Each structure stands twice: as C-alpha cells, then as structure tokens.
Amino acid sequence: MSTTYVSGPHNTASASVVGATDPSRQARVRHIHVSTTETGASGMDFLAVERAVNGDLPVPELNHAEQQLAARLMTSEGHALAAIADLLGTEQRTISRWRAAWKKEQGDRT
C-alpha cells in the first residue's frame, strides 16, 4: 500500500485528498471530487463518499443515502454497473433500480 497525493479542484470542500490508494487503480480511473461546502449533511458524510468512489483504502462503509450518492457519481463518470455494485457491496439489480428511479425523476422534472 502506498500513500498518494491527489490534487484536484481546490475549494472549501474538495481540497487535495491524501490517502492510501490501490496503486493498480491510479492509471485507470480519474479522481472524483464531491463538491459541497460542508463535509456532511442529513446523515451524509461526503468525504466518506469521495473516498469510497475513488477506492481510497480503507474503503469506508457507507449508509444507504451515501451509497446512492456514490452510485450516482460513478454512473455519471461512466463506471460499469458491476464495478459500482462491487465497490459499494450491493447487488447489481439494486444499482439498476436506483438508475431507473433517477431516470424517472429526471423525466418528472421536465
């Protein structure tokens, strides 16, 4: 395990992340930043979500709301259904249902 310094957009919430990462993932995935002015809200730990979606070790356990946010972020970055489910420790069909609900939600807004 190595320590990696990941630099990205710098604002009050998404400063550089320092954490242990899986060296094999460094070349294949772009770092995802969770933008917010808070580190948590309504039972959500945005820093834990950011660490989870980027595979920073140890991967934190996420609650249901955090898992959904992580799945949304990873979906928007083009991650495969199986990869998202594996990372979040959930079933692929759960991710599929969430995606269907998001599409329906988008349709209801228009």
PDB file of N, CA and C in Angstrom:
ATOM      1  N   MET A   1       0.854  -1.159   0.000  1.00  0.00           N
ATOM      2  CA  MET A   1       0.000   0.000   0.000  1.00  0.00           C
ATOM      3  C   MET A   1       0.904   1.227   0.000  1.00  0.00           C
ATOM      4  N   SER A   2       0.547   2.219  -0.808  1.00  0.00           N
ATOM      5  CA  SER A   2       1.350   3.434  -0.881  1.00  0.00           C
ATOM      6  C   SER A   2       0.489   4.638  -0.564  1.00  0.00           C
ATOM      7  N   THR A   3       1.128   5.731  -0.180  1.00  0.00           N
ATOM      8  CA  THR A   3       0.409   6.972   0.068  1.00  0.00           C
ATOM      9  C   THR A   3       0.478   7.809  -1.181  1.00  0.00           C
ATOM     10  N   THR A   4      -0.662   8.296  -1.631  1.00  0.00           N
ATOM     11  CA  THR A   4      -0.740   9.064  -2.862  1.00  0.00           C
ATOM     12  C   THR A   4      -1.341  10.422  -2.577  1.00  0.00           C
ATOM     13  N   TYR A   5      -0.772  11.442  -3.162  1.00  0.00           N
ATOM     14  CA  TYR A   5      -1.316  12.789  -3.040  1.00  0.00           C
ATOM     15  C   TYR A   5      -2.059  13.097  -4.325  1.00  0.00           C
ATOM     16  N   VAL A   6      -3.369  13.273  -4.220  1.00  0.00           N
ATOM     17  CA  VAL A   6      -4.198  13.506  -5.392  1.00  0.00           C
ATOM     18  C   VAL A   6      -4.634  14.957  -5.374  1.00  0.00           C
ATOM     19  N   SER A   7      -4.297  15.668  -6.415  1.00  0.00           N
ATOM     20  CA  SER A   7      -4.632  17.075  -6.491  1.00  0.00           C
ATOM     21  C   SER A   7      -5.805  17.256  -7.426  1.00  0.00           C
ATOM     22  N   GLY A   8      -6.714  18.135  -7.083  1.00  0.00           N
ATOM     23  CA  GLY A   8      -7.876  18.377  -7.915  1.00  0.00           C
ATOM     24  C   GLY A   8      -8.376  19.775  -7.700  1.00  0.00           C
ATOM     25  N   PRO A   9      -9.631  20.041  -8.021  1.00  0.00           N
ATOM     26  CA  PRO A   9     -10.192  21.367  -7.826  1.00  0.00           C
ATOM     27  C   PRO A   9     -10.070  21.768  -6.365  1.00  0.00           C
ATOM     28  N   HIS A  10      -9.662  22.987  -6.140  1.00  0.00           N
ATOM     29  CA  HIS A  10      -9.480  23.440  -4.771  1.00  0.00           C
ATOM     30  C   HIS A  10     -10.570  24.432  -4.397  1.00  0.00           C
ATOM     31  N   ASN A  11     -11.467  24.010  -3.535  1.00  0.00           N
ATOM     32  CA  ASN A  11     -12.439  24.903  -2.914  1.00  0.00           C
ATOM     33  C   ASN A  11     -12.557  24.475  -1.463  1.00  0.00           C
ATOM     34  N   THR A  12     -13.459  25.037  -0.730  1.00  0.00           N
ATOM     35  CA  THR A  12     -13.526  24.739   0.699  1.00  0.00           C
ATOM     36  C   THR A  12     -13.841  23.282   0.987  1.00  0.00           C
ATOM     37  N   ALA A  13     -14.488  22.610   0.060  1.00  0.00           N
ATOM     38  CA  ALA A  13     -14.882  21.236   0.343  1.00  0.00           C
ATOM     39  C   ALA A  13     -14.021  20.206  -0.343  1.00  0.00           C
ATOM     40  N   SER A  14     -13.540  20.499  -1.524  1.00  0.00           N
ATOM     41  CA  SER A  14     -12.787  19.466  -2.228  1.00  0.00           C
ATOM     42  C   SER A  14     -11.331  19.875  -2.388  1.00  0.00           C
ATOM     43  N   ALA A  15     -10.652  19.896  -1.279  1.00  0.00           N
ATOM     44  CA  ALA A  15      -9.221  20.168  -1.292  1.00  0.00           C
ATOM     45  C   ALA A  15      -8.513  18.880  -1.672  1.00  0.00           C
ATOM     46  N   SER A  16      -7.214  18.944  -1.768  1.00  0.00           N
ATOM     47  CA  SER A  16      -6.445  17.751  -2.114  1.00  0.00           C
ATOM     48  C   SER A  16      -6.739  16.642  -1.133  1.00  0.00           C
ATOM     49  N   VAL A  17      -6.829  15.450  -1.645  1.00  0.00           N
ATOM     50  CA  VAL A  17      -7.118  14.298  -0.822  1.00  0.00           C
ATOM     51  C   VAL A  17      -5.821  13.546  -0.605  1.00  0.00           C
ATOM     52  N   VAL A  18      -5.537  13.217   0.627  1.00  0.00           N
ATOM     53  CA  VAL A  18      -4.357  12.434   0.936  1.00  0.00           C
ATOM     54  C   VAL A  18      -4.857  11.137   1.518  1.00  0.00           C
ATOM     55  N   GLY A  19      -4.477  10.036   0.910  1.00  0.00           N
ATOM     56  CA  GLY A  19      -4.938   8.769   1.442  1.00  0.00           C
ATOM     57  C   GLY A  19      -4.193   7.630   0.811  1.00  0.00           C
ATOM     58  N   ALA A  20      -4.302   6.481   1.402  1.00  0.00           N
ATOM     59  CA  ALA A  20      -3.700   5.290   0.842  1.00  0.00           C
ATOM     60  C   ALA A  20      -4.593   4.809  -0.286  1.00  0.00           C
ATOM     61  N   THR A  21      -4.011   4.535  -1.419  1.00  0.00           N
ATOM     62  CA  THR A  21      -4.796   4.084  -2.566  1.00  0.00           C
ATOM     63  C   THR A  21      -4.224   2.807  -3.136  1.00  0.00           C
ATOM     64  N   ASP A  22      -5.031   2.119  -3.878  1.00  0.00           N
ATOM     65  CA  ASP A  22      -4.626   0.916  -4.585  1.00  0.00           C
ATOM     66  C   ASP A  22      -3.817   1.357  -5.792  1.00  0.00           C
ATOM     67  N   PRO A  23      -2.521   1.038  -5.867  1.00  0.00           N
ATOM     68  CA  PRO A  23      -1.687   1.513  -6.970  1.00  0.00           C
ATOM     69  C   PRO A  23      -2.180   1.063  -8.342  1.00  0.00           C
ATOM     70  N   SER A  24      -2.872  -0.088  -8.418  1.00  0.00           N
ATOM     71  CA  SER A  24      -3.340  -0.580  -9.710  1.00  0.00           C
ATOM     72  C   SER A  24      -4.469   0.269 -10.271  1.00  0.00           C
ATOM     73  N   ARG A  25      -5.176   1.032  -9.439  1.00  0.00           N
ATOM     74  CA  ARG A  25      -6.296   1.841  -9.923  1.00  0.00           C
ATOM     75  C   ARG A  25      -5.863   3.218 -10.383  1.00  0.00           C
ATOM     76  N   GLN A  26      -4.661   3.643 -10.043  1.00  0.00           N
ATOM     77  CA  GLN A  26      -4.235   5.001 -10.329  1.00  0.00           C
ATOM     78  C   GLN A  26      -4.268   5.339 -11.815  1.00  0.00           C
ATOM     79  N   ALA A  27      -3.846   4.445 -12.659  1.00  0.00           N
ATOM     80  CA  ALA A  27      -3.771   4.736 -14.084  1.00  0.00           C
ATOM     81  C   ALA A  27      -5.114   4.626 -14.785  1.00  0.00           C
ATOM     82  N   ARG A  28      -6.081   3.935 -14.193  1.00  0.00           N
ATOM     83  CA  ARG A  28      -7.307   3.664 -14.925  1.00  0.00           C
ATOM     84  C   ARG A  28      -8.493   4.541 -14.564  1.00  0.00           C
ATOM     85  N   VAL A  29      -8.455   5.244 -13.459  1.00  0.00           N
ATOM     86  CA  VAL A  29      -9.633   5.989 -13.027  1.00  0.00           C
ATOM     87  C   VAL A  29      -9.262   7.426 -12.687  1.00  0.00           C
ATOM     88  N   ARG A  30     -10.084   8.330 -13.144  1.00  0.00           N
ATOM     89  CA  ARG A  30      -9.932   9.737 -12.809  1.00  0.00           C
ATOM     90  C   ARG A  30     -10.496   9.958 -11.415  1.00  0.00           C
ATOM     91  N   HIS A  31      -9.861  10.802 -10.634  1.00  0.00           N
ATOM     92  CA  HIS A  31     -10.311  11.071  -9.272  1.00  0.00           C
ATOM     93  C   HIS A  31     -11.629  11.854  -9.305  1.00  0.00           C
ATOM     94  N   ILE A  32     -12.621  11.399  -8.563  1.00  0.00           N
ATOM     95  CA  ILE A  32     -13.928  12.052  -8.497  1.00  0.00           C
ATOM     96  C   ILE A  32     -13.970  12.894  -7.239  1.00  0.00           C
ATOM     97  N   HIS A  33     -14.301  14.165  -7.381  1.00  0.00           N
ATOM     98  CA  HIS A  33     -14.417  15.066  -6.239  1.00  0.00           C
ATOM     99  C   HIS A  33     -15.889  15.288  -5.922  1.00  0.00           C
ATOM    100  N   VAL A  34     -16.233  15.259  -4.652  1.00  0.00           N
ATOM    101  CA  VAL A  34     -17.588  15.533  -4.202  1.00  0.00           C
ATOM    102  C   VAL A  34     -17.604  16.990  -3.766  1.00  0.00           C
ATOM    103  N   SER A  35     -18.256  17.837  -4.543  1.00  0.00           N
ATOM    104  CA  SER A  35     -18.293  19.269  -4.242  1.00  0.00           C
ATOM    105  C   SER A  35     -19.415  19.601  -3.288  1.00  0.00           C
ATOM    106  N   THR A  36     -19.053  20.240  -2.216  1.00  0.00           N
ATOM    107  CA  THR A  36     -20.012  20.708  -1.229  1.00  0.00           C
ATOM    108  C   THR A  36     -19.301  21.701  -0.334  1.00  0.00           C
ATOM    109  N   THR A  37     -20.054  22.526   0.319  1.00  0.00           N
ATOM    110  CA  THR A  37     -19.429  23.458   1.257  1.00  0.00           C
ATOM    111  C   THR A  37     -19.383  22.867   2.656  1.00  0.00           C
ATOM    112  N   GLU A  38     -19.983  21.718   2.843  1.00  0.00           N
ATOM    113  CA  GLU A  38     -19.988  21.029   4.128  1.00  0.00           C
ATOM    114  C   GLU A  38     -19.313  19.680   3.938  1.00  0.00           C
ATOM    115  N   THR A  39     -18.863  19.066   5.015  1.00  0.00           N
ATOM    116  CA  THR A  39     -18.318  17.719   4.909  1.00  0.00           C
ATOM    117  C   THR A  39     -19.388  16.673   5.161  1.00  0.00           C
ATOM    118  N   GLY A  40     -20.562  17.107   5.590  1.00  0.00           N
ATOM    119  CA  GLY A  40     -21.655  16.172   5.815  1.00  0.00           C
ATOM    120  C   GLY A  40     -22.957  16.910   6.029  1.00  0.00           C
ATOM    121  N   ALA A  41     -24.057  16.271   5.709  1.00  0.00           N
ATOM    122  CA  ALA A  41     -25.380  16.858   5.916  1.00  0.00           C
ATOM    123  C   ALA A  41     -26.409  15.739   5.898  1.00  0.00           C
ATOM    124  N   SER A  42     -27.411  15.861   6.720  1.00  0.00           N
ATOM    125  CA  SER A  42     -28.521  14.889   6.748  1.00  0.00           C
ATOM    126  C   SER A  42     -28.035  13.444   6.779  1.00  0.00           C
ATOM    127  N   GLY A  43     -27.101  13.144   7.645  1.00  0.00           N
ATOM    128  CA  GLY A  43     -26.601  11.776   7.741  1.00  0.00           C
ATOM    129  C   GLY A  43     -25.685  11.375   6.612  1.00  0.00           C
ATOM    130  N   MET A  44     -25.171  12.361   5.858  1.00  0.00           N
ATOM    131  CA  MET A  44     -24.287  12.076   4.728  1.00  0.00           C
ATOM    132  C   MET A  44     -22.874  12.547   5.052  1.00  0.00           C
ATOM    133  N   ASP A  45     -21.917  11.673   4.886  1.00  0.00           N
ATOM    134  CA  ASP A  45     -20.516  12.035   5.048  1.00  0.00           C
ATOM    135  C   ASP A  45     -19.916  12.100   3.648  1.00  0.00           C
ATOM    136  N   PHE A  46     -19.824  13.322   3.099  1.00  0.00           N
ATOM    137  CA  PHE A  46     -19.363  13.496   1.730  1.00  0.00           C
ATOM    138  C   PHE A  46     -17.913  13.079   1.542  1.00  0.00           C
ATOM    139  N   LEU A  47     -17.110  13.236   2.573  1.00  0.00           N
ATOM    140  CA  LEU A  47     -15.713  12.809   2.470  1.00  0.00           C
ATOM    141  C   LEU A  47     -15.617  11.288   2.385  1.00  0.00           C
ATOM    142  N   ALA A  48     -16.480  10.586   3.115  1.00  0.00           N
ATOM    143  CA  ALA A  48     -16.507   9.121   3.032  1.00  0.00           C
ATOM    144  C   ALA A  48     -16.941   8.682   1.634  1.00  0.00           C
ATOM    145  N   VAL A  49     -17.927   9.377   1.066  1.00  0.00           N
ATOM    146  CA  VAL A  49     -18.387   9.058  -0.291  1.00  0.00           C
ATOM    147  C   VAL A  49     -17.245   9.268  -1.280  1.00  0.00           C
ATOM    148  N   GLU A  50     -16.552  10.387  -1.164  1.00  0.00           N
ATOM    149  CA  GLU A  50     -15.429  10.668  -2.071  1.00  0.00           C
ATOM    150  C   GLU A  50     -14.349   9.601  -1.949  1.00  0.00           C
ATOM    151  N   ARG A  51     -14.034   9.219  -0.719  1.00  0.00           N
ATOM    152  CA  ARG A  51     -13.019   8.170  -0.528  1.00  0.00           C
ATOM    153  C   ARG A  51     -13.475   6.854  -1.129  1.00  0.00           C
ATOM    154  N   ALA A  52     -14.746   6.511  -0.951  1.00  0.00           N
ATOM    155  CA  ALA A  52     -15.269   5.241  -1.460  1.00  0.00           C
ATOM    156  C   ALA A  52     -15.242   5.195  -2.983  1.00  0.00           C
ATOM    157  N   VAL A  53     -15.742   6.241  -3.637  1.00  0.00           N
ATOM    158  CA  VAL A  53     -15.820   6.207  -5.102  1.00  0.00           C
ATOM    159  C   VAL A  53     -14.441   6.219  -5.749  1.00  0.00           C
ATOM    160  N   ASN A  54     -13.447   6.696  -5.016  1.00  0.00           N
ATOM    161  CA  ASN A  54     -12.091   6.728  -5.546  1.00  0.00           C
ATOM    162  C   ASN A  54     -11.255   5.538  -5.104  1.00  0.00           C
ATOM    163  N   GLY A  55     -11.852   4.643  -4.314  1.00  0.00           N
ATOM    164  CA  GLY A  55     -11.151   3.434  -3.902  1.00  0.00           C
ATOM    165  C   GLY A  55     -10.037   3.674  -2.908  1.00  0.00           C
ATOM    166  N   ASP A  56     -10.090   4.797  -2.196  1.00  0.00           N
ATOM    167  CA  ASP A  56      -9.075   5.069  -1.188  1.00  0.00           C
ATOM    168  C   ASP A  56      -9.218   4.053  -0.061  1.00  0.00           C
ATOM    169  N   LEU A  57      -8.103   3.490   0.348  1.00  0.00           N
ATOM    170  CA  LEU A  57      -8.109   2.451   1.368  1.00  0.00           C
ATOM    171  C   LEU A  57      -7.841   3.040   2.744  1.00  0.00           C
ATOM    172  N   PRO A  58      -8.450   2.543   3.769  1.00  0.00           N
ATOM    173  CA  PRO A  58      -9.512   1.542   3.735  1.00  0.00           C
ATOM    174  C   PRO A  58     -10.818   2.180   3.244  1.00  0.00           C
ATOM    175  N   VAL A  59     -11.546   1.430   2.428  1.00  0.00           N
ATOM    176  CA  VAL A  59     -12.800   1.939   1.880  1.00  0.00           C
ATOM    177  C   VAL A  59     -13.812   2.026   3.021  1.00  0.00           C
ATOM    178  N   PRO A  60     -14.383   3.218   3.240  1.00  0.00           N
ATOM    179  CA  PRO A  60     -15.337   3.368   4.345  1.00  0.00           C
ATOM    180  C   PRO A  60     -16.664   2.682   4.058  1.00  0.00           C
ATOM    181  N   GLU A  61     -17.328   2.264   5.123  1.00  0.00           N
ATOM    182  CA  GLU A  61     -18.686   1.723   4.976  1.00  0.00           C
ATOM    183  C   GLU A  61     -19.625   2.907   4.798  1.00  0.00           C
ATOM    184  N   LEU A  62     -20.535   2.796   3.848  1.00  0.00           N
ATOM    185  CA  LEU A  62     -21.464   3.884   3.552  1.00  0.00           C
ATOM    186  C   LEU A  62     -22.877   3.481   3.955  1.00  0.00           C
ATOM    187  N   ASN A  63     -23.639   4.474   4.429  1.00  0.00           N
ATOM    188  CA  ASN A  63     -25.050   4.203   4.705  1.00  0.00           C
ATOM    189  C   ASN A  63     -25.815   4.232   3.375  1.00  0.00           C
ATOM    190  N   HIS A  64     -27.106   3.986   3.419  1.00  0.00           N
ATOM    191  CA  HIS A  64     -27.916   3.889   2.196  1.00  0.00           C
ATOM    192  C   HIS A  64     -27.854   5.161   1.348  1.00  0.00           C
ATOM    193  N   ALA A  65     -28.028   6.312   1.969  1.00  0.00           N
ATOM    194  CA  ALA A  65     -28.003   7.581   1.233  1.00  0.00           C
ATOM    195  C   ALA A  65     -26.622   7.829   0.612  1.00  0.00           C
ATOM    196  N   GLU A  66     -25.576   7.495   1.345  1.00  0.00           N
ATOM    197  CA  GLU A  66     -24.215   7.670   0.831  1.00  0.00           C
ATOM    198  C   GLU A  66     -23.950   6.724  -0.334  1.00  0.00           C
ATOM    199  N   GLN A  67     -24.475   5.490  -0.241  1.00  0.00           N
ATOM    200  CA  GLN A  67     -24.324   4.540  -1.346  1.00  0.00           C
ATOM    201  C   GLN A  67     -24.998   5.066  -2.610  1.00  0.00           C
ATOM    202  N   GLN A  68     -26.194   5.646  -2.464  1.00  0.00           N
ATOM    203  CA  GLN A  68     -26.897   6.175  -3.633  1.00  0.00           C
ATOM    204  C   GLN A  68     -26.130   7.335  -4.258  1.00  0.00           C
ATOM    205  N   LEU A  69     -25.578   8.217  -3.434  1.00  0.00           N
ATOM    206  CA  LEU A  69     -24.786   9.322  -3.963  1.00  0.00           C
ATOM    207  C   LEU A  69     -23.549   8.792  -4.677  1.00  0.00           C
ATOM    208  N   ALA A  70     -22.878   7.828  -4.081  1.00  0.00           N
ATOM    209  CA  ALA A  70     -21.698   7.236  -4.701  1.00  0.00           C
ATOM    210  C   ALA A  70     -22.051   6.596  -6.045  1.00  0.00           C
ATOM    211  N   ALA A  71     -23.168   5.888  -6.081  1.00  0.00           N
ATOM    212  CA  ALA A  71     -23.606   5.240  -7.321  1.00  0.00           C
ATOM    213  C   ALA A  71     -23.915   6.279  -8.397  1.00  0.00           C
ATOM    214  N   ARG A  72     -24.556   7.382  -8.008  1.00  0.00           N
ATOM    215  CA  ARG A  72     -24.851   8.464  -8.965  1.00  0.00           C
ATOM    216  C   ARG A  72     -23.563   9.048  -9.534  1.00  0.00           C
ATOM    217  N   LEU A  73     -22.612   9.329  -8.663  1.00  0.00           N
ATOM    218  CA  LEU A  73     -21.341   9.908  -9.103  1.00  0.00           C
ATOM    219  C   LEU A  73     -20.608   8.966 -10.045  1.00  0.00           C
ATOM    220  N   MET A  74     -20.562   7.699  -9.679  1.00  0.00           N
ATOM    221  CA  MET A  74     -19.861   6.726 -10.512  1.00  0.00           C
ATOM    222  C   MET A  74     -20.580   6.499 -11.836  1.00  0.00           C
ATOM    223  N   THR A  75     -21.909   6.523 -11.811  1.00  0.00           N
ATOM    224  CA  THR A  75     -22.683   6.390 -13.041  1.00  0.00           C
ATOM    225  C   THR A  75     -22.387   7.555 -13.975  1.00  0.00           C
ATOM    226  N   SER A  76     -22.352   8.755 -13.408  1.00  0.00           N
ATOM    227  CA  SER A  76     -22.078   9.938 -14.239  1.00  0.00           C
ATOM    228  C   SER A  76     -20.673   9.925 -14.821  1.00  0.00           C
ATOM    229  N   GLU A  77     -19.766   9.199 -14.190  1.00  0.00           N
ATOM    230  CA  GLU A  77     -18.400   9.067 -14.696  1.00  0.00           C
ATOM    231  C   GLU A  77     -18.254   7.886 -15.655  1.00  0.00           C
ATOM    232  N   GLY A  78     -19.354   7.162 -15.884  1.00  0.00           N
ATOM    233  CA  GLY A  78     -19.337   6.069 -16.853  1.00  0.00           C
ATOM    234  C   GLY A  78     -18.868   4.729 -16.320  1.00  0.00           C
ATOM    235  N   HIS A  79     -18.897   4.544 -14.996  1.00  0.00           N
ATOM    236  CA  HIS A  79     -18.479   3.264 -14.431  1.00  0.00           C
ATOM    237  C   HIS A  79     -19.530   2.201 -14.721  1.00  0.00           C
ATOM    238  N   ALA A  80     -19.074   0.985 -14.910  1.00  0.00           N
ATOM    239  CA  ALA A  80     -19.961  -0.141 -15.205  1.00  0.00           C
ATOM    240  C   ALA A  80     -20.796  -0.511 -13.981  1.00  0.00           C
ATOM    241  N   LEU A  81     -21.973  -1.015 -14.238  1.00  0.00           N
ATOM    242  CA  LEU A  81     -22.897  -1.445 -13.201  1.00  0.00           C
ATOM    243  C   LEU A  81     -22.228  -2.412 -12.227  1.00  0.00           C
ATOM    244  N   ALA A  82     -21.529  -3.408 -12.758  1.00  0.00           N
ATOM    245  CA  ALA A  82     -20.877  -4.413 -11.916  1.00  0.00           C
ATOM    246  C   ALA A  82     -19.799  -3.795 -11.033  1.00  0.00           C
ATOM    247  N   ALA A  83     -19.044  -2.854 -11.569  1.00  0.00           N
ATOM    248  CA  ALA A  83     -17.978  -2.206 -10.797  1.00  0.00           C
ATOM    249  C   ALA A  83     -18.556  -1.385  -9.649  1.00  0.00           C
ATOM    250  N   ILE A  84     -19.665  -0.699  -9.912  1.00  0.00           N
ATOM    251  CA  ILE A  84     -20.317   0.109  -8.876  1.00  0.00           C
ATOM    252  C   ILE A  84     -20.849  -0.797  -7.769  1.00  0.00           C
ATOM    253  N   ALA A  85     -21.557  -1.840  -8.162  1.00  0.00           N
ATOM    254  CA  ALA A  85     -22.130  -2.771  -7.183  1.00  0.00           C
ATOM    255  C   ALA A  85     -21.037  -3.422  -6.345  1.00  0.00           C
ATOM    256  N   ASP A  86     -19.947  -3.806  -6.983  1.00  0.00           N
ATOM    257  CA  ASP A  86     -18.842  -4.444  -6.272  1.00  0.00           C
ATOM    258  C   ASP A  86     -18.223  -3.487  -5.258  1.00  0.00           C
ATOM    259  N   LEU A  87     -17.961  -2.272  -5.677  1.00  0.00           N
ATOM    260  CA  LEU A  87     -17.347  -1.291  -4.784  1.00  0.00           C
ATOM    261  C   LEU A  87     -18.240  -0.973  -3.593  1.00  0.00           C
ATOM    262  N   LEU A  88     -19.542  -0.866  -3.836  1.00  0.00           N
ATOM    263  CA  LEU A  88     -20.470  -0.497  -2.773  1.00  0.00           C
ATOM    264  C   LEU A  88     -20.953  -1.692  -1.955  1.00  0.00           C
ATOM    265  N   GLY A  89     -20.600  -2.895  -2.380  1.00  0.00           N
ATOM    266  CA  GLY A  89     -21.014  -4.088  -1.651  1.00  0.00           C
ATOM    267  C   GLY A  89     -22.506  -4.336  -1.714  1.00  0.00           C
ATOM    268  N   THR A  90     -23.082  -4.073  -2.882  1.00  0.00           N
ATOM    269  CA  THR A  90     -24.519  -4.269  -3.067  1.00  0.00           C
ATOM    270  C   THR A  90     -24.758  -5.059  -4.351  1.00  0.00           C
ATOM    271  N   GLU A  91     -25.990  -5.373  -4.613  1.00  0.00           N
ATOM    272  CA  GLU A  91     -26.346  -6.144  -5.805  1.00  0.00           C
ATOM    273  C   GLU A  91     -26.447  -5.247  -7.032  1.00  0.00           C
ATOM    274  N   GLN A  92     -26.142  -5.809  -8.195  1.00  0.00           N
ATOM    275  CA  GLN A  92     -26.255  -5.065  -9.451  1.00  0.00           C
ATOM    276  C   GLN A  92     -27.692  -4.618  -9.691  1.00  0.00           C
ATOM    277  N   ARG A  93     -28.641  -5.452  -9.335  1.00  0.00           N
ATOM    278  CA  ARG A  93     -30.040  -5.070  -9.582  1.00  0.00           C
ATOM    279  C   ARG A  93     -30.458  -3.896  -8.708  1.00  0.00           C
ATOM    280  N   THR A  94     -29.828  -3.736  -7.550  1.00  0.00           N
ATOM    281  CA  THR A  94     -30.102  -2.567  -6.703  1.00  0.00           C
ATOM    282  C   THR A  94     -29.660  -1.302  -7.427  1.00  0.00           C
ATOM    283  N   ILE A  95     -28.476  -1.341  -8.000  1.00  0.00           N
ATOM    284  CA  ILE A  95     -27.956  -0.194  -8.755  1.00  0.00           C
ATOM    285  C   ILE A  95     -28.855   0.071  -9.964  1.00  0.00           C
ATOM    286  N   SER A  96     -29.297  -0.985 -10.623  1.00  0.00           N
ATOM    287  CA  SER A  96     -30.209  -0.840 -11.772  1.00  0.00           C
ATOM    288  C   SER A  96     -31.507  -0.158 -11.369  1.00  0.00           C
ATOM    289  N   ARG A  97     -32.057  -0.547 -10.220  1.00  0.00           N
ATOM    290  CA  ARG A  97     -33.297   0.083  -9.737  1.00  0.00           C
ATOM    291  C   ARG A  97     -33.071   1.552  -9.417  1.00  0.00           C
ATOM    292  N   TRP A  98     -31.940   1.859  -8.798  1.00  0.00           N
ATOM    293  CA  TRP A  98     -31.632   3.263  -8.499  1.00  0.00           C
ATOM    294  C   TRP A  98     -31.536   4.067  -9.790  1.00  0.00           C
ATOM    295  N   ARG A  99     -30.844   3.504 -10.785  1.00  0.00           N
ATOM    296  CA  ARG A  99     -30.697   4.211 -12.065  1.00  0.00           C
ATOM    297  C   ARG A  99     -32.058   4.457 -12.710  1.00  0.00           C
ATOM    298  N   ALA A 100     -32.939   3.459 -12.655  1.00  0.00           N
ATOM    299  CA  ALA A 100     -34.286   3.616 -13.230  1.00  0.00           C
ATOM    300  C   ALA A 100     -35.055   4.712 -12.493  1.00  0.00           C
ATOM    301  N   ALA A 101     -34.909   4.754 -11.186  1.00  0.00           N
ATOM    302  CA  ALA A 101     -35.591   5.793 -10.397  1.00  0.00           C
ATOM    303  C   ALA A 101     -35.045   7.173 -10.746  1.00  0.00           C
ATOM    304  N   TRP A 102     -33.728   7.282 -10.978  1.00  0.00           N
ATOM    305  CA  TRP A 102     -33.136   8.572 -11.341  1.00  0.00           C
ATOM    306  C   TRP A 102     -33.644   9.038 -12.693  1.00  0.00           C
ATOM    307  N   LYS A 103     -33.776   8.090 -13.627  1.00  0.00           N
ATOM    308  CA  LYS A 103     -34.290   8.450 -14.959  1.00  0.00           C
ATOM    309  C   LYS A 103     -35.730   8.925 -14.856  1.00  0.00           C
ATOM    310  N   LYS A 104     -36.527   8.220 -14.059  1.00  0.00           N
ATOM    311  CA  LYS A 104     -37.917   8.618 -13.861  1.00  0.00           C
ATOM    312  C   LYS A 104     -37.988  10.000 -13.214  1.00  0.00           C
ATOM    313  N   GLU A 105     -37.128  10.226 -12.238  1.00  0.00           N
ATOM    314  CA  GLU A 105     -37.067  11.521 -11.550  1.00  0.00           C
ATOM    315  C   GLU A 105     -36.719  12.633 -12.540  1.00  0.00           C
ATOM    316  N   GLN A 106     -35.788  12.376 -13.441  1.00  0.00           N
ATOM    317  CA  GLN A 106     -35.421  13.370 -14.455  1.00  0.00           C
ATOM    318  C   GLN A 106     -36.588  13.636 -15.401  1.00  0.00           C
ATOM    319  N   GLY A 107     -37.321  12.587 -15.750  1.00  0.00           N
ATOM    320  CA  GLY A 107     -38.479  12.742 -16.625  1.00  0.00           C
ATOM    321  C   GLY A 107     -39.594  13.527 -15.976  1.00  0.00           C
ATOM    322  N   ASP A 108     -39.763  13.355 -14.673  1.00  0.00           N
ATOM    323  CA  ASP A 108     -40.804  14.079 -13.936  1.00  0.00           C
ATOM    324  C   ASP A 108     -40.505  15.574 -13.830  1.00  0.00           C
ATOM    325  N   ARG A 109     -39.227  15.938 -13.904  1.00  0.00           N
ATOM    326  CA  ARG A 109     -38.836  17.346 -13.787  1.00  0.00           C
ATOM    327  C   ARG A 109     -39.054  18.127 -15.069  1.00  0.00           C
ATOM    328  N   THR A 110     -39.085  17.430 -16.197  1.00  0.00           N
ATOM    329  CA  THR A 110     -39.240  18.128 -17.472  1.00  0.00           C
ATOM    330  C   THR A 110     -40.667  18.309 -17.862  1.00  0.00           C
TER     331      THR A 110
END
